[in-house]
PDB file of all heavy atoms in Angstrom:
ATOM      1  N   ALA A   1      69.590  19.337  39.387  1.00  0.00           N
ATOM      2  CA  ALA A   1      70.849  19.914  38.856  1.00  0.00           C
ATOM      3  C   ALA A   1      70.926  21.372  39.303  1.00  0.00           C
ATOM      4  O   ALA A   1      69.890  21.995  39.533  1.00  0.00           O
ATOM      5  CB  ALA A   1      70.835  19.826  37.253  1.00  0.00           C
ATOM      6  N   ALA A   2      72.143  21.971  39.291  1.00  0.00           N
ATOM      7  CA  ALA A   2      72.399  23.273  39.796  1.00  0.00           C
ATOM      8  C   ALA A   2      73.013  24.114  38.705  1.00  0.00           C
ATOM      9  O   ALA A   2      73.888  23.575  37.964  1.00  0.00           O
ATOM     10  CB  ALA A   2      73.170  23.313  41.047  1.00  0.00           C
ATOM     11  N   THR A   3      72.735  25.411  38.664  1.00  0.00           N
ATOM     12  CA  THR A   3      73.255  26.379  37.768  1.00  0.00           C
ATOM     13  C   THR A   3      74.075  27.363  38.443  1.00  0.00           C
ATOM     14  O   THR A   3      73.563  28.026  39.405  1.00  0.00           O
ATOM     15  CB  THR A   3      72.098  27.010  36.897  1.00  0.00           C
ATOM     16  OG1 THR A   3      71.263  26.013  36.373  1.00  0.00           O
ATOM     17  CG2 THR A   3      72.707  27.941  35.843  1.00  0.00           C
ATOM     18  N   GLU A   4      75.248  27.763  37.963  1.00  0.00           N
ATOM     19  CA  GLU A   4      76.100  28.719  38.590  1.00  0.00           C
ATOM     20  C   GLU A   4      75.813  30.125  38.051  1.00  0.00           C
ATOM     21  O   GLU A   4      75.418  30.324  36.886  1.00  0.00           O
ATOM     22  CB  GLU A   4      77.568  28.353  38.163  1.00  0.00           C
ATOM     23  CG  GLU A   4      78.566  29.276  38.962  1.00  0.00           C
ATOM     24  CD  GLU A   4      79.989  28.770  38.679  1.00  0.00           C
ATOM     25  OE1 GLU A   4      80.222  27.955  37.833  1.00  0.00           O
ATOM     26  OE2 GLU A   4      80.910  29.244  39.356  1.00  0.00           O
ATOM     27  N   VAL A   5      75.939  31.132  38.968  1.00  0.00           N
ATOM     28  CA  VAL A   5      75.696  32.428  38.524  1.00  0.00           C
ATOM     29  C   VAL A   5      76.966  33.265  38.443  1.00  0.00           C
ATOM     30  O   VAL A   5      77.170  34.275  37.739  1.00  0.00           O
ATOM     31  CB  VAL A   5      74.712  33.223  39.395  1.00  0.00           C
ATOM     32  CG1 VAL A   5      73.394  32.567  39.395  1.00  0.00           C
ATOM     33  CG2 VAL A   5      75.233  33.373  40.852  1.00  0.00           C
ATOM     34  N   SER A   6      78.082  32.784  39.220  1.00  0.00           N
ATOM     35  CA  SER A   6      79.334  33.492  39.145  1.00  0.00           C
ATOM     36  C   SER A   6      79.878  33.427  37.703  1.00  0.00           C
ATOM     37  O   SER A   6      79.686  32.453  36.974  1.00  0.00           O
ATOM     38  CB  SER A   6      80.390  32.778  40.096  1.00  0.00           C
ATOM     39  OG  SER A   6      79.831  32.917  41.449  1.00  0.00           O
ATOM     40  N   ARG A   7      80.551  34.502  37.292  1.00  0.00           N
ATOM     41  CA  ARG A   7      81.047  34.554  35.902  1.00  0.00           C
ATOM     42  C   ARG A   7      82.451  33.898  35.769  1.00  0.00           C
ATOM     43  O   ARG A   7      83.427  34.422  35.504  1.00  0.00           O
ATOM     44  CB  ARG A   7      81.189  36.043  35.468  1.00  0.00           C
ATOM     45  CG  ARG A   7      79.839  36.743  35.444  1.00  0.00           C
ATOM     46  CD  ARG A   7      78.891  36.114  34.426  1.00  0.00           C
ATOM     47  NE  ARG A   7      79.351  36.245  33.023  1.00  0.00           N
ATOM     48  CZ  ARG A   7      78.711  35.609  32.023  1.00  0.00           C
ATOM     49  NH1 ARG A   7      77.782  34.804  32.174  1.00  0.00           N
ATOM     50  NH2 ARG A   7      79.221  35.736  30.839  1.00  0.00           N
ATOM     51  N   GLY A   8      82.413  32.573  36.019  1.00  0.00           N
ATOM     52  CA  GLY A   8      83.521  31.744  35.890  1.00  0.00           C
ATOM     53  C   GLY A   8      83.173  30.312  35.711  1.00  0.00           C
ATOM     54  O   GLY A   8      82.080  29.915  35.931  1.00  0.00           O
ATOM     55  N   LYS A   9      84.175  29.544  35.450  1.00  0.00           N
ATOM     56  CA  LYS A   9      84.063  28.082  35.308  1.00  0.00           C
ATOM     57  C   LYS A   9      85.294  27.381  35.877  1.00  0.00           C
ATOM     58  O   LYS A   9      85.904  26.552  35.344  1.00  0.00           O
ATOM     59  CB  LYS A   9      83.731  27.611  33.833  1.00  0.00           C
ATOM     60  CG  LYS A   9      84.756  28.103  32.838  1.00  0.00           C
ATOM     61  CD  LYS A   9      84.519  27.617  31.453  1.00  0.00           C
ATOM     62  CE  LYS A   9      85.581  28.214  30.416  1.00  0.00           C
ATOM     63  NZ  LYS A   9      85.314  27.646  29.073  1.00  0.00           N
ATOM     64  N   ASP A  10      85.543  27.848  37.167  1.00  0.00           N
ATOM     65  CA  ASP A  10      86.765  27.501  37.776  1.00  0.00           C
ATOM     66  C   ASP A  10      86.466  26.866  39.150  1.00  0.00           C
ATOM     67  O   ASP A  10      85.376  26.999  39.666  1.00  0.00           O
ATOM     68  CB  ASP A  10      87.758  28.687  37.878  1.00  0.00           C
ATOM     69  CG  ASP A  10      87.044  29.895  38.434  1.00  0.00           C
ATOM     70  OD1 ASP A  10      86.940  29.925  39.716  1.00  0.00           O
ATOM     71  OD2 ASP A  10      86.494  30.703  37.738  1.00  0.00           O
ATOM     72  N   THR A  11      87.599  26.432  39.857  1.00  0.00           N
ATOM     73  CA  THR A  11      87.495  25.865  41.118  1.00  0.00           C
ATOM     74  C   THR A  11      86.973  26.727  42.201  1.00  0.00           C
ATOM     75  O   THR A  11      86.033  26.491  42.878  1.00  0.00           O
ATOM     76  CB  THR A  11      88.847  25.222  41.507  1.00  0.00           C
ATOM     77  OG1 THR A  11      89.082  24.119  40.633  1.00  0.00           O
ATOM     78  CG2 THR A  11      88.777  24.745  43.029  1.00  0.00           C
ATOM     79  N   PRO A  12      87.564  27.974  42.382  1.00  0.00           N
ATOM     80  CA  PRO A  12      87.131  28.853  43.505  1.00  0.00           C
ATOM     81  C   PRO A  12      85.725  29.284  43.340  1.00  0.00           C
ATOM     82  O   PRO A  12      84.876  29.250  44.229  1.00  0.00           O
ATOM     83  CB  PRO A  12      88.117  30.051  43.482  1.00  0.00           C
ATOM     84  CG  PRO A  12      89.326  29.519  42.804  1.00  0.00           C
ATOM     85  CD  PRO A  12      88.813  28.543  41.797  1.00  0.00           C
ATOM     86  N   SER A  13      85.259  29.695  42.095  1.00  0.00           N
ATOM     87  CA  SER A  13      83.937  30.241  41.800  1.00  0.00           C
ATOM     88  C   SER A  13      82.896  29.113  42.189  1.00  0.00           C
ATOM     89  O   SER A  13      81.981  29.335  42.845  1.00  0.00           O
ATOM     90  CB  SER A  13      83.814  30.530  40.348  1.00  0.00           C
ATOM     91  OG  SER A  13      84.531  31.689  40.045  1.00  0.00           O
ATOM     92  N   GLY A  14      83.141  27.905  41.678  1.00  0.00           N
ATOM     93  CA  GLY A  14      82.245  26.828  41.878  1.00  0.00           C
ATOM     94  C   GLY A  14      82.108  26.437  43.339  1.00  0.00           C
ATOM     95  O   GLY A  14      81.016  26.276  43.892  1.00  0.00           O
ATOM     96  N   HIS A  15      83.308  26.265  44.009  1.00  0.00           N
ATOM     97  CA  HIS A  15      83.268  25.833  45.422  1.00  0.00           C
ATOM     98  C   HIS A  15      82.658  26.892  46.426  1.00  0.00           C
ATOM     99  O   HIS A  15      81.833  26.603  47.232  1.00  0.00           O
ATOM    100  CB  HIS A  15      84.593  25.394  45.943  1.00  0.00           C
ATOM    101  CG  HIS A  15      85.016  24.055  45.452  1.00  0.00           C
ATOM    102  ND1 HIS A  15      85.474  23.787  44.194  1.00  0.00           N
ATOM    103  CD2 HIS A  15      85.052  22.957  46.112  1.00  0.00           C
ATOM    104  CE1 HIS A  15      85.792  22.516  44.044  1.00  0.00           C
ATOM    105  NE2 HIS A  15      85.591  21.969  45.204  1.00  0.00           N
ATOM    106  N   TRP A  16      83.054  28.165  46.102  1.00  0.00           N
ATOM    107  CA  TRP A  16      82.513  29.232  47.015  1.00  0.00           C
ATOM    108  C   TRP A  16      81.108  29.319  46.829  1.00  0.00           C
ATOM    109  O   TRP A  16      80.276  29.508  47.776  1.00  0.00           O
ATOM    110  CB  TRP A  16      83.105  30.647  46.622  1.00  0.00           C
ATOM    111  CG  TRP A  16      84.556  30.714  46.914  1.00  0.00           C
ATOM    112  CD1 TRP A  16      85.406  29.809  47.439  1.00  0.00           C
ATOM    113  CD2 TRP A  16      85.369  31.854  46.591  1.00  0.00           C
ATOM    114  NE1 TRP A  16      86.647  30.316  47.495  1.00  0.00           N
ATOM    115  CE2 TRP A  16      86.685  31.492  46.983  1.00  0.00           C
ATOM    116  CE3 TRP A  16      85.105  33.115  45.974  1.00  0.00           C
ATOM    117  CZ2 TRP A  16      87.703  32.443  46.791  1.00  0.00           C
ATOM    118  CZ3 TRP A  16      86.149  33.945  45.793  1.00  0.00           C
ATOM    119  CH2 TRP A  16      87.489  33.675  46.181  1.00  0.00           C
ATOM    120  N   GLU A  17      80.501  29.254  45.632  1.00  0.00           N
ATOM    121  CA  GLU A  17      79.096  29.362  45.315  1.00  0.00           C
ATOM    122  C   GLU A  17      78.366  28.186  45.994  1.00  0.00           C
ATOM    123  O   GLU A  17      77.227  28.318  46.522  1.00  0.00           O
ATOM    124  CB  GLU A  17      78.793  29.545  43.881  1.00  0.00           C
ATOM    125  CG  GLU A  17      77.352  30.055  43.647  1.00  0.00           C
ATOM    126  CD  GLU A  17      77.183  30.534  42.172  1.00  0.00           C
ATOM    127  OE1 GLU A  17      78.020  31.067  41.617  1.00  0.00           O
ATOM    128  OE2 GLU A  17      76.003  30.250  41.626  1.00  0.00           O
ATOM    129  N   LEU A  18      78.867  26.984  45.808  1.00  0.00           N
ATOM    130  CA  LEU A  18      78.317  25.772  46.540  1.00  0.00           C
ATOM    131  C   LEU A  18      78.221  25.995  47.981  1.00  0.00           C
ATOM    132  O   LEU A  18      77.389  25.502  48.700  1.00  0.00           O
ATOM    133  CB  LEU A  18      79.103  24.548  46.144  1.00  0.00           C
ATOM    134  CG  LEU A  18      78.956  23.995  44.753  1.00  0.00           C
ATOM    135  CD1 LEU A  18      80.010  22.887  44.580  1.00  0.00           C
ATOM    136  CD2 LEU A  18      77.616  23.466  44.534  1.00  0.00           C
ATOM    137  N   ALA A  19      79.258  26.791  48.508  1.00  0.00           N
ATOM    138  CA  ALA A  19      79.193  27.114  49.942  1.00  0.00           C
ATOM    139  C   ALA A  19      78.535  28.296  50.311  1.00  0.00           C
ATOM    140  O   ALA A  19      78.673  28.824  51.377  1.00  0.00           O
ATOM    141  CB  ALA A  19      80.667  27.217  50.410  1.00  0.00           C
ATOM    142  N   GLY A  20      77.670  28.814  49.320  1.00  0.00           N
ATOM    143  CA  GLY A  20      76.842  29.971  49.709  1.00  0.00           C
ATOM    144  C   GLY A  20      77.211  31.325  49.314  1.00  0.00           C
ATOM    145  O   GLY A  20      76.490  32.290  49.592  1.00  0.00           O
ATOM    146  N   VAL A  21      78.366  31.512  48.612  1.00  0.00           N
ATOM    147  CA  VAL A  21      78.995  32.811  48.351  1.00  0.00           C
ATOM    148  C   VAL A  21      79.263  32.928  46.876  1.00  0.00           C
ATOM    149  O   VAL A  21      80.394  32.464  46.479  1.00  0.00           O
ATOM    150  CB  VAL A  21      80.191  33.110  49.188  1.00  0.00           C
ATOM    151  CG1 VAL A  21      80.714  34.482  48.878  1.00  0.00           C
ATOM    152  CG2 VAL A  21      79.834  33.004  50.667  1.00  0.00           C
ATOM    153  N   PRO A  22      78.376  33.435  46.031  1.00  0.00           N
ATOM    154  CA  PRO A  22      78.737  33.786  44.642  1.00  0.00           C
ATOM    155  C   PRO A  22      79.847  34.715  44.622  1.00  0.00           C
ATOM    156  O   PRO A  22      80.025  35.607  45.449  1.00  0.00           O
ATOM    157  CB  PRO A  22      77.431  34.381  44.033  1.00  0.00           C
ATOM    158  CG  PRO A  22      76.368  33.917  44.961  1.00  0.00           C
ATOM    159  CD  PRO A  22      77.034  33.843  46.345  1.00  0.00           C
ATOM    160  N   VAL A  23      80.678  34.673  43.423  1.00  0.00           N
ATOM    161  CA  VAL A  23      81.759  35.641  43.379  1.00  0.00           C
ATOM    162  C   VAL A  23      81.215  36.889  42.891  1.00  0.00           C
ATOM    163  O   VAL A  23      80.571  36.998  41.815  1.00  0.00           O
ATOM    164  CB  VAL A  23      82.767  35.071  42.295  1.00  0.00           C
ATOM    165  CG1 VAL A  23      83.860  36.078  42.058  1.00  0.00           C
ATOM    166  CG2 VAL A  23      83.393  33.693  42.799  1.00  0.00           C
ATOM    167  N   PRO A  24      81.470  38.077  43.558  1.00  0.00           N
ATOM    168  CA  PRO A  24      80.898  39.395  43.192  1.00  0.00           C
ATOM    169  C   PRO A  24      81.698  40.248  42.195  1.00  0.00           C
ATOM    170  O   PRO A  24      81.286  41.244  41.877  1.00  0.00           O
ATOM    171  CB  PRO A  24      80.784  40.029  44.549  1.00  0.00           C
ATOM    172  CG  PRO A  24      81.971  39.535  45.297  1.00  0.00           C
ATOM    173  CD  PRO A  24      82.227  38.139  44.826  1.00  0.00           C
ATOM    174  N   TRP A  25      82.859  39.688  41.711  1.00  0.00           N
ATOM    175  CA  TRP A  25      83.637  40.405  40.831  1.00  0.00           C
ATOM    176  C   TRP A  25      83.993  39.526  39.593  1.00  0.00           C
ATOM    177  O   TRP A  25      83.720  38.381  39.510  1.00  0.00           O
ATOM    178  CB  TRP A  25      85.000  40.832  41.534  1.00  0.00           C
ATOM    179  CG  TRP A  25      85.771  39.670  42.120  1.00  0.00           C
ATOM    180  CD1 TRP A  25      86.435  38.624  41.453  1.00  0.00           C
ATOM    181  CD2 TRP A  25      85.964  39.394  43.450  1.00  0.00           C
ATOM    182  NE1 TRP A  25      87.004  37.742  42.336  1.00  0.00           N
ATOM    183  CE2 TRP A  25      86.741  38.148  43.574  1.00  0.00           C
ATOM    184  CE3 TRP A  25      85.556  39.903  44.651  1.00  0.00           C
ATOM    185  CZ2 TRP A  25      87.153  37.599  44.771  1.00  0.00           C
ATOM    186  CZ3 TRP A  25      85.970  39.424  45.835  1.00  0.00           C
ATOM    187  CH2 TRP A  25      86.763  38.251  45.903  1.00  0.00           C
ATOM    188  N   LYS A  26      84.571  40.235  38.627  1.00  0.00           N
ATOM    189  CA  LYS A  26      85.083  39.459  37.423  1.00  0.00           C
ATOM    190  C   LYS A  26      86.536  39.123  37.671  1.00  0.00           C
ATOM    191  O   LYS A  26      87.331  39.942  38.005  1.00  0.00           O
ATOM    192  CB  LYS A  26      84.929  40.375  36.220  1.00  0.00           C
ATOM    193  CG  LYS A  26      83.513  40.596  35.749  1.00  0.00           C
ATOM    194  CD  LYS A  26      83.475  41.329  34.427  1.00  0.00           C
ATOM    195  CE  LYS A  26      81.986  41.558  33.895  1.00  0.00           C
ATOM    196  NZ  LYS A  26      82.035  42.223  32.626  1.00  0.00           N
ATOM    197  N   TRP A  27      86.858  37.915  37.409  1.00  0.00           N
ATOM    198  CA  TRP A  27      88.190  37.429  37.549  1.00  0.00           C
ATOM    199  C   TRP A  27      89.030  38.040  36.403  1.00  0.00           C
ATOM    200  O   TRP A  27      88.579  38.371  35.386  1.00  0.00           O
ATOM    201  CB  TRP A  27      88.298  35.929  37.442  1.00  0.00           C
ATOM    202  CG  TRP A  27      87.656  35.118  38.592  1.00  0.00           C
ATOM    203  CD1 TRP A  27      86.556  34.393  38.374  1.00  0.00           C
ATOM    204  CD2 TRP A  27      88.121  35.091  39.933  1.00  0.00           C
ATOM    205  NE1 TRP A  27      86.209  33.864  39.695  1.00  0.00           N
ATOM    206  CE2 TRP A  27      87.170  34.279  40.601  1.00  0.00           C
ATOM    207  CE3 TRP A  27      89.159  35.616  40.691  1.00  0.00           C
ATOM    208  CZ2 TRP A  27      87.280  34.002  41.970  1.00  0.00           C
ATOM    209  CZ3 TRP A  27      89.221  35.413  41.977  1.00  0.00           C
ATOM    210  CH2 TRP A  27      88.310  34.532  42.678  1.00  0.00           C
ATOM    211  N   HIS A  28      90.304  38.182  36.745  1.00  0.00           N
ATOM    212  CA  HIS A  28      91.344  38.625  35.686  1.00  0.00           C
ATOM    213  C   HIS A  28      91.826  37.373  34.920  1.00  0.00           C
ATOM    214  O   HIS A  28      92.227  36.392  35.536  1.00  0.00           O
ATOM    215  CB  HIS A  28      92.554  39.358  36.379  1.00  0.00           C
ATOM    216  CG  HIS A  28      93.530  39.781  35.317  1.00  0.00           C
ATOM    217  ND1 HIS A  28      93.420  40.882  34.562  1.00  0.00           N
ATOM    218  CD2 HIS A  28      94.780  39.203  34.941  1.00  0.00           C
ATOM    219  CE1 HIS A  28      94.517  41.012  33.737  1.00  0.00           C
ATOM    220  NE2 HIS A  28      95.249  39.952  34.017  1.00  0.00           N
ATOM    221  N   TYR A  29      91.826  37.498  33.648  1.00  0.00           N
ATOM    222  CA  TYR A  29      92.317  36.344  32.767  1.00  0.00           C
ATOM    223  C   TYR A  29      93.498  36.822  31.948  1.00  0.00           C
ATOM    224  O   TYR A  29      93.392  37.982  31.420  1.00  0.00           O
ATOM    225  CB  TYR A  29      91.222  35.774  31.893  1.00  0.00           C
ATOM    226  CG  TYR A  29      90.043  35.271  32.696  1.00  0.00           C
ATOM    227  CD1 TYR A  29      88.933  36.073  32.893  1.00  0.00           C
ATOM    228  CD2 TYR A  29      89.999  33.963  33.123  1.00  0.00           C
ATOM    229  CE1 TYR A  29      87.810  35.568  33.605  1.00  0.00           C
ATOM    230  CE2 TYR A  29      88.951  33.435  33.878  1.00  0.00           C
ATOM    231  CZ  TYR A  29      87.879  34.302  34.065  1.00  0.00           C
ATOM    232  OH  TYR A  29      86.799  33.805  34.845  1.00  0.00           O
ATOM    233  N   PHE A  30      94.466  36.003  31.760  1.00  0.00           N
ATOM    234  CA  PHE A  30      95.600  36.435  30.867  1.00  0.00           C
ATOM    235  C   PHE A  30      95.318  36.029  29.454  1.00  0.00           C
ATOM    236  O   PHE A  30      94.743  35.056  29.175  1.00  0.00           O
ATOM    237  CB  PHE A  30      96.839  35.684  31.449  1.00  0.00           C
ATOM    238  CG  PHE A  30      97.370  36.143  32.775  1.00  0.00           C
ATOM    239  CD1 PHE A  30      97.117  35.136  33.859  1.00  0.00           C
ATOM    240  CD2 PHE A  30      97.860  37.359  33.033  1.00  0.00           C
ATOM    241  CE1 PHE A  30      97.536  35.616  35.153  1.00  0.00           C
ATOM    242  CE2 PHE A  30      98.217  37.705  34.332  1.00  0.00           C
ATOM    243  CZ  PHE A  30      98.111  36.857  35.354  1.00  0.00           C
ATOM    244  N   PRO A  31      95.790  36.895  28.577  1.00  0.00           N
ATOM    245  CA  PRO A  31      95.476  36.703  27.090  1.00  0.00           C
ATOM    246  C   PRO A  31      96.186  35.421  26.609  1.00  0.00           C
ATOM    247  O   PRO A  31      97.293  35.134  27.019  1.00  0.00           O
ATOM    248  CB  PRO A  31      96.027  38.001  26.467  1.00  0.00           C
ATOM    249  CG  PRO A  31      97.067  38.471  27.435  1.00  0.00           C
ATOM    250  CD  PRO A  31      96.633  38.139  28.779  1.00  0.00           C
ATOM    251  N   ASP A  32      95.573  34.854  25.615  1.00  0.00           N
ATOM    252  CA  ASP A  32      96.194  33.661  25.030  1.00  0.00           C
ATOM    253  C   ASP A  32      97.168  34.041  23.915  1.00  0.00           C
ATOM    254  O   ASP A  32      96.780  34.044  22.710  1.00  0.00           O
ATOM    255  CB  ASP A  32      95.048  32.757  24.493  1.00  0.00           C
ATOM    256  CG  ASP A  32      95.642  31.367  23.969  1.00  0.00           C
ATOM    257  OD1 ASP A  32      96.831  31.127  24.143  1.00  0.00           O
ATOM    258  OD2 ASP A  32      94.783  30.554  23.514  1.00  0.00           O
ATOM    259  N   GLU A  33      98.190  34.591  24.280  1.00  0.00           N
ATOM    260  CA  GLU A  33      99.353  35.036  23.433  1.00  0.00           C
ATOM    261  C   GLU A  33     100.647  34.809  24.099  1.00  0.00           C
ATOM    262  O   GLU A  33     100.689  34.542  25.313  1.00  0.00           O
ATOM    263  CB  GLU A  33      99.080  36.527  23.067  1.00  0.00           C
ATOM    264  CG  GLU A  33      99.037  37.464  24.183  1.00  0.00           C
ATOM    265  CD  GLU A  33      98.529  38.855  23.871  1.00  0.00           C
ATOM    266  OE1 GLU A  33      97.606  39.001  23.083  1.00  0.00           O
ATOM    267  OE2 GLU A  33      99.185  39.793  24.499  1.00  0.00           O
ATOM    268  N   ILE A  34     101.643  35.045  23.423  1.00  0.00           N
ATOM    269  CA  ILE A  34     103.035  34.893  23.918  1.00  0.00           C
ATOM    270  C   ILE A  34     103.759  36.249  23.714  1.00  0.00           C
ATOM    271  O   ILE A  34     103.882  36.721  22.658  1.00  0.00           O
ATOM    272  CB  ILE A  34     103.808  33.787  23.281  1.00  0.00           C
ATOM    273  CG1 ILE A  34     103.096  32.440  23.401  1.00  0.00           C
ATOM    274  CG2 ILE A  34     105.192  33.680  23.833  1.00  0.00           C
ATOM    275  CD1 ILE A  34     103.814  31.279  22.716  1.00  0.00           C
ATOM    276  N   PRO A  35     104.167  36.850  24.886  1.00  0.00           N
ATOM    277  CA  PRO A  35     104.093  36.447  26.239  1.00  0.00           C
ATOM    278  C   PRO A  35     102.675  36.700  26.819  1.00  0.00           C
ATOM    279  O   PRO A  35     101.993  37.699  26.394  1.00  0.00           O
ATOM    280  CB  PRO A  35     105.050  37.291  27.028  1.00  0.00           C
ATOM    281  CG  PRO A  35     105.132  38.566  26.156  1.00  0.00           C
ATOM    282  CD  PRO A  35     104.973  38.149  24.741  1.00  0.00           C
ATOM    283  N   ALA A  36     102.210  35.870  27.694  1.00  0.00           N
ATOM    284  CA  ALA A  36     100.897  35.976  28.348  1.00  0.00           C
ATOM    285  C   ALA A  36     100.873  36.951  29.432  1.00  0.00           C
ATOM    286  O   ALA A  36      99.823  37.462  29.877  1.00  0.00           O
ATOM    287  CB  ALA A  36     100.399  34.512  28.705  1.00  0.00           C
ATOM    288  N   PHE A  37     102.052  37.096  30.110  1.00  0.00           N
ATOM    289  CA  PHE A  37     102.082  37.875  31.385  1.00  0.00           C
ATOM    290  C   PHE A  37     102.693  39.192  31.053  1.00  0.00           C
ATOM    291  O   PHE A  37     103.644  39.359  30.406  1.00  0.00           O
ATOM    292  CB  PHE A  37     102.851  37.122  32.453  1.00  0.00           C
ATOM    293  CG  PHE A  37     102.362  35.681  32.612  1.00  0.00           C
ATOM    294  CD1 PHE A  37     103.321  34.735  32.489  1.00  0.00           C
ATOM    295  CD2 PHE A  37     101.133  35.425  32.871  1.00  0.00           C
ATOM    296  CE1 PHE A  37     102.800  33.388  32.691  1.00  0.00           C
ATOM    297  CE2 PHE A  37     100.663  34.144  33.093  1.00  0.00           C
ATOM    298  CZ  PHE A  37     101.475  33.086  32.972  1.00  0.00           C
ATOM    299  N   PRO A  38     102.270  40.319  31.813  1.00  0.00           N
ATOM    300  CA  PRO A  38     102.841  41.566  31.652  1.00  0.00           C
ATOM    301  C   PRO A  38     104.257  41.609  32.291  1.00  0.00           C
ATOM    302  O   PRO A  38     104.583  40.808  33.160  1.00  0.00           O
ATOM    303  CB  PRO A  38     101.861  42.450  32.422  1.00  0.00           C
ATOM    304  CG  PRO A  38     101.115  41.650  33.340  1.00  0.00           C
ATOM    305  CD  PRO A  38     101.056  40.249  32.645  1.00  0.00           C
ATOM    306  N   PRO A  39     105.047  42.531  31.794  1.00  0.00           N
ATOM    307  CA  PRO A  39     106.453  42.577  32.264  1.00  0.00           C
ATOM    308  C   PRO A  39     106.558  42.686  33.775  1.00  0.00           C
ATOM    309  O   PRO A  39     107.523  42.098  34.381  1.00  0.00           O
ATOM    310  CB  PRO A  39     107.036  43.766  31.534  1.00  0.00           C
ATOM    311  CG  PRO A  39     106.249  44.043  30.315  1.00  0.00           C
ATOM    312  CD  PRO A  39     104.846  43.547  30.749  1.00  0.00           C
ATOM    313  N   GLU A  40     105.709  43.428  34.380  1.00  0.00           N
ATOM    314  CA  GLU A  40     105.833  43.646  35.834  1.00  0.00           C
ATOM    315  C   GLU A  40     105.685  42.309  36.679  1.00  0.00           C
ATOM    316  O   GLU A  40     106.326  42.089  37.658  1.00  0.00           O
ATOM    317  CB  GLU A  40     104.879  44.682  36.428  1.00  0.00           C
ATOM    318  CG  GLU A  40     103.384  44.406  36.165  1.00  0.00           C
ATOM    319  CD  GLU A  40     102.864  44.932  34.862  1.00  0.00           C
ATOM    320  OE1 GLU A  40     103.681  45.178  33.918  1.00  0.00           O
ATOM    321  OE2 GLU A  40     101.624  45.127  34.708  1.00  0.00           O
ATOM    322  N   ILE A  41     104.807  41.413  36.154  1.00  0.00           N
ATOM    323  CA  ILE A  41     104.632  40.089  36.813  1.00  0.00           C
ATOM    324  C   ILE A  41     105.872  39.261  36.575  1.00  0.00           C
ATOM    325  O   ILE A  41     106.431  38.675  37.471  1.00  0.00           O
ATOM    326  CB  ILE A  41     103.448  39.350  36.363  1.00  0.00           C
ATOM    327  CG1 ILE A  41     102.193  40.133  36.769  1.00  0.00           C
ATOM    328  CG2 ILE A  41     103.383  37.955  36.830  1.00  0.00           C
ATOM    329  CD1 ILE A  41     100.850  39.428  36.390  1.00  0.00           C
ATOM    330  N   THR A  42     106.369  39.244  35.332  1.00  0.00           N
ATOM    331  CA  THR A  42     107.600  38.468  35.049  1.00  0.00           C
ATOM    332  C   THR A  42     108.730  38.939  35.856  1.00  0.00           C
ATOM    333  O   THR A  42     109.480  38.100  36.432  1.00  0.00           O
ATOM    334  CB  THR A  42     107.975  38.577  33.565  1.00  0.00           C
ATOM    335  OG1 THR A  42     106.828  38.060  32.781  1.00  0.00           O
ATOM    336  CG2 THR A  42     109.185  37.714  33.213  1.00  0.00           C
TER     337      THR A  42
END
């Protein structure tokens, strides 16, 4: 069994690390609130 070191539980983190490249940064996550996205993205 294998253990991930990247600070995520998502598709890119898992696949990149399986392919030899742990994610060196923290991903940005949107808050669980409404609205979830800042006005500039909308």
